[in-house]
N, C-alpha and C. Protein backbone atom coordinates (compact mmCIF):
# COMPACT_ATOMS: atom_id res chain seq x y z
N UNK A 1 -19.55 3.17 0.07
CA UNK A 1 -18.71 2.37 -0.54
C UNK A 1 -17.45 2.22 0.56
N UNK A 2 -17.06 1.29 0.38
CA UNK A 2 -16.10 0.35 1.94
C UNK A 2 -14.66 0.62 1.39
N UNK A 3 -13.48 0.75 1.81
CA UNK A 3 -12.48 0.79 1.45
C UNK A 3 -11.02 0.31 2.94
N UNK A 4 -10.34 0.10 2.19
CA UNK A 4 -8.86 -0.56 2.52
C UNK A 4 -8.29 0.38 3.09
N UNK A 5 -7.99 1.02 4.55
CA UNK A 5 -6.86 1.76 5.03
C UNK A 5 -5.50 0.97 5.39
N UNK A 6 -4.04 0.94 4.89
CA UNK A 6 -3.52 0.55 4.91
C UNK A 6 -2.21 1.12 5.07
N UNK A 7 -1.20 0.71 5.46
CA UNK A 7 0.37 0.67 5.86
C UNK A 7 1.01 -0.14 4.96
N UNK A 8 2.57 0.43 4.26
CA UNK A 8 3.46 -0.71 3.89
C UNK A 8 4.64 -0.13 4.10
N UNK A 9 5.19 -1.46 4.24
CA UNK A 9 7.03 -0.94 4.91
C UNK A 9 7.86 -1.88 4.12
N UNK A 10 9.02 -0.91 3.27
CA UNK A 10 9.58 -1.22 2.63
C UNK A 10 10.67 -2.26 3.20
N UNK A 11 10.78 -3.50 2.26
CA UNK A 11 11.76 -4.45 3.15
C UNK A 11 13.09 -3.68 2.88
N UNK A 12 13.70 -3.27 1.74
CA UNK A 12 14.86 -2.73 1.78
C UNK A 12 15.38 -1.83 2.68
N UNK A 13 14.49 -1.21 2.88
CA UNK A 13 14.26 0.44 3.69
C UNK A 13 13.73 0.58 5.02
N UNK A 14 13.27 -0.56 5.82
CA UNK A 14 12.21 -0.67 6.69
C UNK A 14 12.51 0.74 7.55
N UNK A 15 12.66 1.41 7.26
CA UNK A 15 12.62 2.86 8.12
C UNK A 15 11.62 3.75 7.07
N UNK A 16 10.89 3.46 6.01
CA UNK A 16 10.16 4.16 5.30
C UNK A 16 8.97 3.39 5.22
N UNK A 17 7.85 3.85 5.37
CA UNK A 17 6.83 3.38 4.94
C UNK A 17 5.91 4.45 4.09
N UNK A 18 4.35 3.99 4.12
CA UNK A 18 3.41 4.59 3.22
C UNK A 18 2.53 4.47 3.48
N UNK A 19 1.13 5.31 2.94
CA UNK A 19 -0.25 4.92 4.06
C UNK A 19 -0.97 5.13 2.64
N UNK A 20 -1.83 4.72 2.55
CA UNK A 20 -3.12 5.06 1.30
C UNK A 20 -4.28 4.44 1.70
N UNK A 21 -5.48 4.31 1.04
CA UNK A 21 -6.45 3.81 0.54
C UNK A 21 -6.76 3.08 -0.64
N UNK A 22 -7.61 2.28 -0.50
CA UNK A 22 -8.24 1.34 -1.95
C UNK A 22 -9.16 0.56 -1.65
N UNK A 23 -10.13 -0.03 -2.84
CA UNK A 23 -11.18 -0.58 -2.81
C UNK A 23 -10.73 -1.99 -2.28
N UNK A 24 -10.05 -2.27 -3.16
CA UNK A 24 -9.59 -3.44 -3.32
C UNK A 24 -7.91 -4.00 -3.27
N UNK A 25 -7.57 -4.37 -1.99
CA UNK A 25 -6.09 -4.61 -1.12
C UNK A 25 -5.41 -5.05 -1.95
N UNK A 26 -5.74 -6.55 -2.55
CA UNK A 26 -4.74 -7.08 -3.10
C UNK A 26 -4.09 -6.65 -4.61
N UNK A 27 -4.94 -6.00 -5.13
CA UNK A 27 -4.83 -5.44 -6.66
C UNK A 27 -4.14 -4.14 -6.33
N UNK A 28 -4.21 -3.23 -5.23
CA UNK A 28 -3.14 -2.33 -4.90
C UNK A 28 -1.74 -2.43 -4.46
N UNK A 29 -1.96 -3.94 -3.88
CA UNK A 29 -0.12 -4.16 -3.11
C UNK A 29 0.35 -4.83 -4.17
N UNK A 30 -0.03 -5.85 -4.90
CA UNK A 30 0.39 -6.03 -6.70
C UNK A 30 0.74 -4.80 -7.22
N UNK A 31 0.52 -3.97 -7.48
CA UNK A 31 0.31 -2.69 -8.25
C UNK A 31 2.07 -1.82 -7.61
N UNK A 32 1.69 -1.51 -6.27
CA UNK A 32 3.19 -1.20 -5.42
C UNK A 32 4.28 -1.71 -5.85
N UNK A 33 3.98 -2.84 -5.38
CA UNK A 33 5.17 -4.83 -5.70
C UNK A 33 5.90 -3.92 -6.98
N UNK A 34 5.38 -3.70 -8.11
CA UNK A 34 5.45 -4.00 -9.52
C UNK A 34 6.23 -3.01 -9.71
N UNK A 35 5.98 -2.07 -8.96
CA UNK A 35 6.53 -0.56 -9.59
C UNK A 35 5.21 0.62 -10.47
N UNK A 36 4.40 0.21 -10.41
CA UNK A 36 3.10 1.32 -11.03
C UNK A 36 2.28 1.86 -10.39
N UNK A 37 3.16 2.32 -8.68
CA UNK A 37 2.70 3.07 -7.86
C UNK A 37 4.01 4.38 -7.68
N UNK A 38 4.35 5.72 -8.47
CA UNK A 38 4.91 6.13 -8.26
C UNK A 38 5.60 6.71 -7.03
N UNK A 39 4.55 6.75 -5.56
CA UNK A 39 5.47 6.94 -4.40
C UNK A 39 5.74 6.19 -3.76
N UNK A 40 5.71 4.56 -4.46
CA UNK A 40 6.74 3.40 -3.74
C UNK A 40 7.38 2.88 -5.28
N UNK A 41 7.69 3.74 -6.17
CA UNK A 41 8.45 3.11 -7.38
C UNK A 41 9.90 3.76 -7.02
N UNK A 42 10.12 4.52 -6.42
CA UNK A 42 11.51 5.04 -5.99
C UNK A 42 12.66 4.15 -5.73
N UNK A 43 12.48 2.90 -4.97
CA UNK A 43 13.42 1.58 -5.06
C UNK A 43 12.61 0.51 -5.43
N UNK A 44 13.53 -0.26 -5.76
CA UNK A 44 12.78 -1.24 -6.29
C UNK A 44 13.07 -2.49 -5.38
N UNK A 45 12.90 -2.99 -4.07
CA UNK A 45 12.00 -3.58 -3.13
C UNK A 45 10.96 -3.53 -2.79
N UNK A 46 10.60 -4.91 -2.74
CA UNK A 46 8.65 -4.93 -2.55
C UNK A 46 8.90 -4.80 -0.94
N UNK A 47 7.40 -4.42 -1.17
CA UNK A 47 6.80 -3.16 0.16
C UNK A 47 5.64 -4.49 0.91
N UNK A 48 6.08 -4.11 2.13
CA UNK A 48 5.36 -5.30 3.03
C UNK A 48 3.82 -4.71 3.83
N UNK A 49 3.15 -5.31 3.75
CA UNK A 49 1.73 -4.95 4.46
C UNK A 49 1.97 -4.69 5.79
N UNK A 50 2.04 -3.90 6.76
CA UNK A 50 1.87 -3.88 7.77
C UNK A 50 0.87 -3.52 8.85
N UNK A 51 -0.32 -3.21 8.07
CA UNK A 51 -1.71 -3.08 8.68
C UNK A 51 -2.64 -2.64 7.56
N UNK A 52 -3.79 -3.23 8.14
CA UNK A 52 -4.97 -2.82 7.44
C UNK A 52 -6.03 -2.81 8.41
N UNK A 53 -6.95 -1.93 7.97
CA UNK A 53 -8.12 -1.62 8.35
C UNK A 53 -9.45 -1.63 7.06
N UNK A 54 -10.65 -2.48 7.47
CA UNK A 54 -11.94 -2.00 6.32
C UNK A 54 -12.82 -0.78 6.97
N UNK A 55 -13.07 -0.23 6.29
CA UNK A 55 -13.71 0.69 6.72
C UNK A 55 -14.72 1.38 5.85
N UNK A 56 -16.22 1.73 5.67
CA UNK A 56 -16.95 2.51 5.03
C UNK A 56 -16.54 3.71 5.08
N UNK A 57 -16.77 4.58 4.16
CA UNK A 57 -16.01 5.74 3.52
C UNK A 57 -17.33 6.86 3.20
N UNK A 58 -17.59 8.17 3.60
CA UNK A 58 -18.67 8.62 2.18
C UNK A 58 -17.79 9.48 1.29
N UNK A 59 -17.42 9.00 0.06
CA UNK A 59 -16.74 9.56 -1.20
C UNK A 59 -18.07 9.98 -1.74
C-alpha cells in the first residue's frame, strides 16, 4: 500500500510543524484545516503543506 509522508506548518505560528502519514493527502489536509485532527486543532489557523513524499510501505 502506498502512503504520503507529509509536513505541515501552521500559518499563524510558523515555528509549529506537524509530521504525518496518510494514503489520501487531499482528504487529510482538509481534516487538519477543519479542526478534525486533535494534534493540529489546538489553534484555529490553517496549516500549509510544506513537504510531501509518496512511498510504498509494508503495513
